[in-house]
Protein backbone atom coordinates (compact mmCIF):
# COMPACT_ATOMS: atom_id res chain seq x y z
CA MET A 1 -31.87 -44.94 24.50
CA ILE A 2 -34.11 -47.01 22.19
CA ASN A 3 -35.55 -45.24 19.16
CA GLN A 4 -38.28 -46.76 17.00
CA PRO A 5 -39.76 -45.13 13.93
CA PRO A 6 -43.23 -43.76 14.47
CA VAL A 7 -46.14 -45.75 13.07
CA SER A 8 -49.37 -44.70 11.48
CA ARG A 9 -52.53 -44.47 13.55
CA ARG A 10 -54.09 -47.21 11.39
CA ALA A 11 -51.26 -49.64 12.39
CA ILE A 12 -52.06 -49.43 16.12
CA SER A 13 -54.19 -52.37 17.39
CA PRO A 14 -55.59 -53.34 20.80
CA LEU A 15 -53.26 -56.33 20.77
CA MET A 16 -50.23 -54.03 20.61
CA VAL A 17 -51.54 -51.92 23.47
CA MET A 18 -52.10 -54.98 25.64
CA ALA A 19 -48.58 -56.23 24.83
CA VAL A 20 -47.06 -52.93 25.95
CA MET A 21 -49.08 -52.99 29.18
CA LEU A 22 -47.98 -56.53 29.96
CA LEU A 23 -44.32 -55.95 29.15
CA ALA A 24 -43.98 -52.67 31.07
CA PRO A 25 -44.13 -54.22 34.60
CA LEU A 26 -41.67 -56.90 33.59
CA SER A 27 -39.24 -54.27 32.33
CA ALA A 28 -39.63 -52.11 35.41
CA GLN A 29 -38.52 -55.00 37.62
CA SER A 30 -35.10 -55.00 35.98
CA LYS A 31 -34.57 -51.35 35.18
CA PRO A 32 -37.04 -48.46 35.32
CA TRP A 33 -37.77 -46.75 32.00
CA ARG A 34 -39.63 -43.55 31.24
CA SER A 35 -40.59 -41.58 28.13
CA VAL A 36 -38.34 -38.60 27.38
CA ALA A 37 -40.88 -36.77 25.18
CA PRO A 38 -44.62 -36.24 25.51
CA GLY A 39 -46.78 -38.32 23.29
CA ASN A 40 -48.33 -36.94 20.17
CA GLU A 41 -51.77 -38.17 19.24
CA ALA A 42 -50.91 -38.20 15.58
CA PHE A 43 -47.35 -39.53 15.87
CA PRO A 44 -46.61 -41.01 19.30
CA PRO A 45 -42.79 -41.41 19.47
CA LEU A 46 -41.74 -44.63 21.16
CA GLN A 47 -38.57 -43.34 22.82
CA TRP A 48 -37.44 -44.43 26.26
CA THR A 49 -34.60 -43.77 28.63
CA ASN A 50 -33.31 -45.43 31.78
CA SER A 51 -34.62 -43.27 34.65
CA GLU A 52 -32.57 -45.22 37.20
CA ASP A 53 -29.31 -44.16 35.49
CA LYS A 54 -30.50 -40.58 35.47
CA GLN A 55 -31.13 -40.71 39.20
CA ARG A 56 -27.75 -42.25 39.94
CA ASN A 57 -25.94 -39.74 37.71
CA PRO A 58 -27.75 -36.43 38.03
CA PRO A 59 -26.80 -33.84 35.39
CA SER A 60 -23.99 -31.47 36.26
CA LYS A 61 -24.77 -27.91 37.16
CA GLY A 62 -25.21 -25.79 34.07
CA LEU A 63 -27.00 -25.67 30.76
CA ARG A 64 -26.43 -29.22 29.46
CA TRP A 65 -29.31 -29.82 27.04
CA GLU A 66 -29.59 -29.31 23.33
CA ALA A 67 -32.47 -29.64 20.86
CA MET A 68 -32.80 -32.48 18.32
CA ASP A 69 -35.17 -32.16 15.38
CA ARG A 70 -37.52 -35.08 14.66
CA GLN A 71 -37.61 -36.02 10.99
CA PRO A 72 -41.05 -37.02 9.59
CA SER A 73 -41.66 -40.56 8.34
CA ALA A 74 -42.62 -41.36 4.78
CA ASP A 75 -45.77 -43.09 6.13
CA ASP A 76 -47.12 -39.87 7.69
CA GLU A 77 -50.45 -38.83 6.18
CA VAL A 78 -50.09 -35.14 6.92
CA ALA A 79 -47.09 -32.87 7.31
CA PRO A 80 -46.22 -33.13 11.02
CA SER A 81 -45.32 -30.21 13.15
CA GLN A 82 -41.76 -30.15 14.54
CA THR A 83 -41.29 -32.05 17.78
CA VAL A 84 -38.39 -30.79 19.93
CA LEU A 85 -36.56 -33.62 21.69
CA TRP A 86 -33.71 -33.12 24.18
CA GLN A 87 -30.61 -35.11 24.89
CA ASP A 88 -27.86 -34.88 27.45
CA THR A 89 -24.59 -33.17 26.37
CA PRO A 90 -21.09 -34.02 27.65
CA PRO A 91 -20.04 -32.08 30.79
CA GLY A 92 -17.16 -30.38 28.92
CA GLU A 93 -19.66 -28.51 26.76
CA VAL A 94 -21.54 -27.00 29.67
CA ILE A 95 -21.97 -23.18 29.57
CA THR A 96 -22.81 -21.68 32.93
CA ALA A 97 -24.03 -18.21 33.79
CA ASP A 98 -20.61 -17.40 35.26
CA ASP A 99 -19.03 -18.04 31.88
CA ILE A 100 -21.10 -15.40 30.14
CA ALA A 101 -21.13 -12.77 32.92
CA PRO A 102 -19.36 -9.55 31.93
CA GLN A 103 -15.89 -9.16 33.38
CA GLU A 104 -15.43 -6.17 35.64
CA LYS A 105 -12.72 -3.68 34.58
CA THR A 106 -9.69 -3.90 36.81
CA GLN A 107 -8.34 -0.78 38.41
CA ASP A 108 -4.96 -1.16 36.74
CA GLU A 109 -6.35 -0.99 33.19
CA PRO A 110 -6.06 2.52 31.64
CA LEU A 111 -9.21 4.38 30.73
CA VAL A 112 -9.51 4.61 26.95
CA VAL A 113 -11.30 7.74 25.78
CA ILE A 114 -12.77 7.26 22.33
CA GLU A 115 -13.13 10.48 20.39
CA PRO A 116 -14.16 12.87 23.16
CA SER A 117 -16.86 15.33 22.27
CA GLY A 118 -15.54 18.10 24.53
CA THR A 119 -14.88 21.51 23.03
CA THR A 120 -11.32 22.86 22.95
CA PHE A 121 -10.60 26.04 24.94
CA ALA A 122 -7.52 28.05 25.89
CA ASN A 123 -6.57 31.06 27.95
CA ASP A 124 -3.25 31.87 26.30
CA LYS A 125 -1.51 29.10 24.33
CA ALA A 126 -2.05 26.06 26.56
CA ILE A 127 -5.18 24.02 25.78
CA TRP A 128 -8.10 23.17 28.10
CA ARG A 129 -10.13 20.13 27.00
CA ASP A 130 -11.99 17.27 28.67
CA GLU A 131 -11.63 18.84 32.12
CA GLN A 132 -7.84 19.04 32.09
CA TRP A 133 -4.98 21.20 30.81
CA HIS A 134 -2.90 20.20 27.80
CA PRO A 135 0.46 21.64 26.61
CA GLN A 136 0.87 24.72 24.43
CA ILE A 137 0.21 24.49 20.71
CA SER A 138 2.47 27.43 19.77
CA GLY A 139 5.38 29.39 21.14
CA THR A 140 4.84 33.03 20.13
CA VAL A 141 1.97 32.86 17.62
CA PRO A 142 -1.50 33.52 19.15
CA VAL A 143 -4.01 30.65 18.99
CA GLY A 144 -7.69 30.90 18.07
CA PHE A 145 -9.13 29.05 21.07
CA GLY A 146 -10.51 31.18 23.88
CA PRO A 147 -11.64 30.79 27.49
CA LYS A 148 -14.73 29.25 29.04
CA GLY A 149 -15.54 30.59 32.49
CA GLY A 150 -12.65 31.91 34.53
CA MET A 151 -9.10 31.04 33.52
CA PHE A 152 -5.78 32.38 34.78
CA SER A 153 -2.21 31.89 33.56
CA ALA A 154 1.03 33.07 35.15
CA SER A 155 4.37 32.40 33.48
CA VAL A 156 8.05 33.25 33.51
CA TRP A 157 9.67 33.46 30.07
CA GLY A 158 13.34 33.83 29.29
CA ILE A 159 15.57 33.90 26.20
CA ASP A 160 19.33 33.55 26.00
CA CYS A 161 19.87 36.49 23.64
CA VAL A 162 17.69 39.40 22.52
CA THR A 163 18.33 40.81 19.05
CA GLY A 164 18.56 44.52 19.68
CA ALA A 165 20.34 44.10 23.01
CA GLY A 166 23.47 42.55 21.56
CA PHE A 167 24.91 40.37 18.82
CA CYS A 168 23.92 36.72 19.27
CA ALA A 169 27.12 34.89 18.36
CA ASN A 170 27.90 31.19 18.42
CA PRO A 171 29.46 30.58 21.86
CA THR A 172 32.93 29.08 22.02
CA ASP A 173 32.15 27.14 25.21
CA PHE A 174 29.61 26.96 27.98
CA ASN A 175 31.17 29.81 29.95
CA ASP A 176 30.99 32.02 26.88
CA TYR A 177 27.32 31.05 26.54
CA LEU A 178 26.66 32.08 30.15
CA ASP A 179 28.37 35.41 29.46
CA GLN A 180 26.02 36.00 26.52
CA ILE A 181 22.98 35.30 28.68
CA GLU A 182 24.27 37.76 31.26
CA SER A 183 24.95 40.52 28.72
CA SER A 184 22.08 40.14 26.24
CA GLY A 185 19.56 37.68 27.67
CA GLU A 186 16.13 38.72 28.89
CA SER A 187 13.33 37.40 31.06
CA GLN A 188 9.82 38.60 31.79
CA PHE A 189 6.61 37.79 33.63
CA ASN A 190 3.37 37.17 31.73
CA LEU A 191 -0.12 37.16 33.24
CA SER A 192 -3.36 36.25 31.46
CA LEU A 193 -6.94 36.45 32.76
CA GLY A 194 -9.71 34.90 30.67
CA PHE A 195 -13.46 35.10 31.17
CA GLY A 196 -16.71 34.69 29.21
CA ASP A 197 -17.69 31.73 27.05
CA ALA A 198 -16.04 31.36 23.65
CA GLU A 199 -18.44 28.50 22.80
CA LYS A 200 -21.77 30.25 23.40
CA LEU A 201 -20.96 33.95 22.93
CA VAL A 202 -17.41 35.31 23.16
CA GLY A 203 -14.36 34.73 25.30
CA VAL A 204 -12.17 37.62 26.41
CA THR A 205 -8.55 37.40 27.55
CA VAL A 206 -6.61 40.27 29.11
CA THR A 207 -2.83 39.81 29.02
CA THR A 208 -0.15 41.63 30.98
CA ARG A 209 3.54 41.54 30.14
CA ILE A 210 6.10 42.79 32.64
CA GLU A 211 9.19 43.79 30.71
CA GLU A 212 11.90 42.60 33.09
CA THR A 213 11.79 40.18 35.99
CA LYS A 214 14.73 42.13 37.56
CA ILE A 215 16.15 38.78 38.68
CA PRO A 216 19.92 39.17 39.23
CA PHE A 217 22.06 36.94 37.00
CA GLY A 218 25.81 37.35 37.27
CA GLU A 219 26.40 41.09 36.95
CA ARG A 220 23.04 41.60 35.26
CA ASN A 221 20.29 43.42 37.21
CA THR A 222 22.44 43.76 40.34
CA GLN A 223 22.07 47.54 40.12
CA ASN A 224 18.36 47.16 40.84
CA LEU A 225 19.14 45.93 44.31
CA GLU A 226 20.43 49.41 45.14
CA THR A 227 17.53 51.40 43.65
CA ASP A 228 13.87 51.89 44.46
CA LYS A 229 12.78 50.65 41.00
CA ASN A 230 10.07 48.03 41.43
CA LEU A 231 8.70 45.22 39.33
CA LEU A 232 5.64 47.08 38.00
CA ASP A 233 7.42 50.18 36.74
CA GLU A 234 7.05 48.93 33.15
CA TYR A 235 4.22 46.69 31.95
CA TYR A 236 1.99 46.22 28.92
CA ILE A 237 -1.67 45.22 28.58
CA GLY A 238 -3.28 43.43 25.66
CA VAL A 239 -6.91 42.52 24.90
CA HIS A 240 -8.06 39.50 22.87
CA ALA A 241 -11.52 38.22 21.83
CA SER A 242 -12.25 34.68 20.62
CA ARG A 243 -15.21 32.69 19.32
CA ASN A 244 -15.60 28.96 18.75
CA LEU A 245 -16.99 27.94 15.35
CA GLY A 246 -17.36 24.33 16.49
CA PRO A 247 -15.88 21.98 19.08
CA ASP A 248 -12.55 21.88 17.23
CA THR A 249 -12.42 25.27 15.47
CA ALA A 250 -12.04 28.81 16.83
CA ILE A 251 -11.03 32.31 15.77
CA LYS A 252 -9.37 35.09 17.75
CA PHE A 253 -8.62 38.77 17.20
CA GLY A 254 -6.51 40.86 19.50
CA ILE A 255 -3.88 43.49 20.18
CA ASP A 256 -0.70 42.71 22.10
CA ASN A 257 0.78 45.52 24.22
CA TRP A 258 -2.15 47.79 23.41
CA ILE A 259 -1.74 49.85 26.60
CA ASP A 260 1.74 50.44 28.03
CA VAL A 261 2.84 51.84 31.36
CA LYS A 262 6.57 52.60 31.41
CA LYS A 263 8.99 55.13 32.85
CA CYS A 264 11.41 54.82 29.95
CA GLY A 265 9.04 56.67 27.61
CA ASP A 266 9.83 56.25 23.90
CA ARG A 267 13.28 54.82 24.54
CA CYS A 268 12.02 51.30 25.23
CA GLY A 269 8.99 49.10 24.93
CA PHE A 270 7.40 46.17 23.15
CA PRO A 271 5.75 46.78 19.78
CA LYS A 272 1.97 47.09 19.57
CA SER A 273 0.80 44.16 17.46
CA ALA A 274 -2.65 43.46 16.00
CA TYR A 275 -3.53 40.02 14.67
CA GLY A 276 -6.27 37.62 13.63
CA VAL A 277 -5.97 33.81 13.62
CA ILE A 278 -8.05 30.68 13.23
CA SER A 279 -7.13 27.39 14.91
CA GLN A 280 -8.26 23.86 14.06
CA ARG A 281 -7.91 20.69 16.07
CA ILE A 282 -7.36 17.67 13.79
CA ARG A 283 -8.26 14.32 15.37
CA LEU A 284 -5.76 11.71 14.18
CA ASN A 285 -6.60 8.77 16.45
CA ARG A 286 -9.88 7.63 18.01
CA ASP A 287 -7.96 6.47 21.09
CA GLN A 288 -6.96 9.69 22.85
CA ASN A 289 -4.47 7.79 25.02
CA ALA A 290 -2.52 6.46 22.04
CA PHE A 291 0.45 8.01 20.25
CA PHE A 292 -0.29 10.99 17.95
CA PRO A 293 -3.97 11.45 18.87
CA ASN A 294 -4.27 15.09 17.66
CA ALA A 295 -2.71 17.84 15.61
CA TYR A 296 -3.44 21.58 15.86
CA LEU A 297 -3.18 23.99 12.95
CA THR A 298 -3.23 27.78 13.36
CA VAL A 299 -3.10 30.25 10.47
CA GLY A 300 -3.59 33.99 10.37
CA ALA A 301 -1.89 37.35 9.93
CA GLY A 302 -0.42 40.04 12.13
CA ASN A 303 1.76 43.12 12.23
CA GLY A 304 4.03 44.76 14.80
CA GLN A 305 6.23 42.05 16.27
CA PHE A 306 4.97 39.62 13.61
CA ARG A 307 6.79 41.45 10.78
CA PRO A 308 10.18 40.44 9.35
CA PHE A 309 13.23 42.41 10.47
CA ASP A 310 13.88 44.05 7.08
CA GLU A 311 10.31 45.42 7.04
CA MET A 312 10.82 46.90 10.52
CA VAL A 313 13.97 48.68 9.33
CA ARG A 314 12.22 50.07 6.24
CA ASP A 315 9.32 51.32 8.36
CA SER A 316 11.71 52.93 10.84
CA ILE A 317 13.52 54.81 8.08
CA SER A 318 10.19 55.97 6.65
CA LYS A 319 8.94 57.19 10.06
CA GLN A 320 12.20 59.07 10.73
CA ARG A 321 12.00 60.85 7.40
CA ALA A 322 8.35 61.75 8.06
CA ALA A 323 9.36 63.24 11.44
CA GLY A 324 12.05 65.37 9.77
CA CYS A 325 14.99 63.44 11.13
CA SER A 326 18.05 62.64 9.06
CA THR A 327 18.31 58.94 8.26
CA VAL A 328 19.49 56.54 5.57
CA GLY A 329 18.92 58.17 2.14
CA TYR A 330 17.68 61.43 3.65
CA THR A 331 19.34 64.50 5.19
CA ALA A 332 17.09 66.93 7.05
CA ASP A 333 17.56 70.68 6.75
CA GLU A 334 17.77 70.86 10.53
CA PRO A 335 18.52 68.08 12.98
CA CYS A 336 15.56 66.81 14.95
CA SER A 337 15.56 66.43 18.71
CA THR A 338 16.52 63.16 20.35
CA ASP A 339 13.00 62.73 21.71
CA THR A 340 11.55 63.16 18.22
CA LEU A 341 13.93 60.58 16.82
CA TYR A 342 13.13 57.97 19.49
CA ARG A 343 9.42 58.64 19.14
CA ALA A 344 9.63 57.96 15.40
CA ILE A 345 11.59 54.76 15.98
CA GLN A 346 9.13 53.58 18.63
CA ARG A 347 6.14 54.29 16.38
CA ALA A 348 7.75 52.29 13.61
CA SER A 349 8.12 49.25 15.87
CA GLY A 350 4.35 48.78 16.19
CA TYR A 351 1.55 47.94 13.78
CA GLY A 352 2.51 48.56 10.10
CA LYS A 353 2.07 46.05 7.28
CA VAL A 354 0.37 42.71 7.86
CA TYR A 355 2.25 39.44 7.33
CA PRO A 356 1.19 35.77 7.50
CA ILE A 357 1.74 33.82 10.71
CA GLY A 358 0.98 30.22 11.64
CA ALA A 359 1.75 27.26 13.87
CA LEU A 360 1.47 23.48 13.70
CA ALA A 361 1.52 21.33 16.84
CA LEU A 362 1.58 17.54 16.84
CA GLU A 363 0.52 15.78 20.03
CA ALA A 364 3.16 13.05 20.21
CA PHE A 365 1.37 11.50 23.19
CA PRO A 366 -0.93 12.90 25.88
CA GLY A 367 1.06 15.53 27.75
CA MET A 368 3.62 16.40 25.05
CA ASN A 369 3.29 18.53 21.89
CA LEU A 370 5.89 19.06 19.18
CA ILE A 371 5.66 22.63 17.83
CA GLY A 372 6.69 24.34 14.62
CA GLU A 373 5.68 27.93 13.86
CA TRP A 374 6.23 30.82 11.50
CA SER A 375 6.27 33.98 13.60
CA GLY A 376 6.08 36.27 10.56
CA ARG A 377 9.76 36.97 11.12
CA ASN A 378 11.37 33.52 11.21
CA LEU A 379 10.87 29.82 11.79
CA ASN A 380 10.69 28.56 15.39
CA ALA A 381 10.50 24.97 16.63
CA GLY A 382 10.34 23.24 19.99
CA PHE A 383 8.14 21.26 22.34
CA SER A 384 5.72 21.76 25.22
CA VAL A 385 5.04 19.31 28.05
CA ARG A 386 2.55 19.01 30.90
CA PRO A 387 4.35 16.84 33.49
CA PHE A 388 1.34 16.23 35.76
CA GLN A 389 -2.09 15.26 34.41
CA GLU A 390 -4.05 16.79 37.29
CA PHE A 391 -1.93 19.94 37.64
CA GLY A 392 -1.70 22.79 35.13
CA LEU A 393 2.08 23.19 35.03
CA VAL A 394 3.25 23.59 31.41
CA LEU A 395 6.90 23.78 30.30
CA THR A 396 7.74 25.03 26.81
CA ALA A 397 11.14 25.16 25.10
CA MET A 398 11.63 26.83 21.69
CA TRP A 399 14.52 27.41 19.30
CA GLU A 400 13.90 30.69 17.48
CA ASN A 401 15.34 32.27 14.31
CA ILE A 402 16.19 28.91 12.77
CA LEU A 403 16.36 30.12 9.14
CA PRO A 404 19.32 32.32 8.03
CA ASN A 405 17.22 35.18 6.64
CA CYS A 406 17.66 38.92 7.30
CA ASP A 407 18.01 38.20 11.02
CA TYR A 408 21.45 36.89 10.05
CA GLY A 409 22.20 39.90 7.81
CA CYS A 410 21.09 40.97 4.35
CA THR A 411 20.92 44.02 2.07
CA ILE A 412 17.61 45.82 1.58
CA ASP A 413 16.48 48.44 -0.90
CA VAL A 414 16.05 51.97 0.52
CA PRO A 415 14.75 54.98 -1.46
CA ASP A 416 17.50 57.41 -2.50
CA TYR A 417 20.21 55.12 -1.20
CA PRO A 418 22.07 53.46 -4.11
CA GLY A 419 23.35 49.97 -3.51
CA GLY A 420 20.92 49.30 -0.67
CA LEU A 421 21.44 49.14 3.06
CA ASP A 422 23.53 46.37 4.61
CA LEU A 423 21.69 45.29 7.77
CA SER A 424 24.86 43.82 9.23
CA LEU A 425 25.67 47.43 10.16
CA PHE A 426 23.06 46.99 12.93
CA GLU A 427 25.25 44.48 14.71
CA ASP A 428 23.30 44.53 17.97
CA ALA A 429 20.18 43.40 16.09
CA MET A 430 21.87 40.45 14.35
CA THR A 431 22.30 36.78 15.19
CA GLU A 432 24.39 33.98 13.76
CA ARG A 433 22.65 31.17 15.64
CA ALA A 434 19.24 29.99 16.71
CA ARG A 435 18.19 31.55 20.01
CA PHE A 436 16.82 29.42 22.83
CA SER A 437 13.80 30.42 24.94
CA PHE A 438 12.09 28.66 27.82
CA GLN A 439 8.79 29.26 29.58
CA ALA A 440 7.22 27.79 32.70
CA SER A 441 3.53 28.57 33.16
CA LEU A 442 0.88 27.72 35.72
CA GLU A 443 -2.62 27.30 34.25
CA LEU A 444 -5.73 27.52 36.44
CA LYS A 445 -9.44 26.97 35.68
CA PHE A 446 -12.13 28.19 38.04
């Protein structure tokens, strides 16, 4: 390419024009030349290129041209406008449309959900969010989240030792542990039906607890195979109402075991327990498929089963005295009937003073939550998993009574009883180890 500086209009003469016209045919006979930029009346650029070479070597496919700015000459009379000239670029610098086309997402790449906006719901303690079930966020403490539409939960829960059914001792070996489960373990069915809309109005959950599964284990429950006692002879119904305060916050009030149907009368039964809680989802990671994406905090208060053991004993003594029955620190003028005594004890097991409860669940990764909770009575810890993403099976394992408080034995103050009452006298209600419970639940949304 031959570049000559532009000349002023006054420097152009007819002689120069004639010279160009005469020389052009001579040049074309050797090699054809053509102008690469349109002429400008004020500043005609004398720039030429070999058109024959361009024809022999056509440009490669792609965008191979770049702009060059023309610099004005010092002889220009007026400030020229910018003339855009183009030159060929090396083939290695070519950018084609294929290079800048968006790459399609392969099927093997995981879907990354960035901070979903879906509201958190629950029927019992397992979470429903973003059109799928998630593991439980507590073991025994109620959670604030409620249902949306129809929800149903069915679970089997079991514990290796029940305080009140026998002393929970440290086993000497595995066979001794199996013997403890047979003698003082317990299992039960739980059903929950949720309906309404906790986000727009209110969500309602009706729970049913069946006291014993009657499943034979060793020598336990084998007598039921020879009787006409059926599964629904003893069950308990609770009612719970919840309301979302936002997509990640909800409150719930309810009564566990509010209505009971049982043949054992006042000699057995679960305590009636009222409570109120608020739950908060805490988003820890924008990527919901990463480790530790969420945490869930629940705080509240409750009575009944949510009271510490020493408070239950104090309340029982008070109720027995009020019924006219002789008890610790009190001797009645006349002995009360057995039915009166059991009725007083059963009344003392429910409601009563209110104590704080709470739970904290950390989502280690999608499908697994680590759980710690204060049941009002003791510290529990464990984990909950959802093995299948598209199926609402939730497995929860908890270690209960971790702290050595009055569940392990202590002395409490009792009116008119000097020196206090040693709770270790109630051996069947004591433990010297953490108790293990396990629950398998099936969660459905319809």
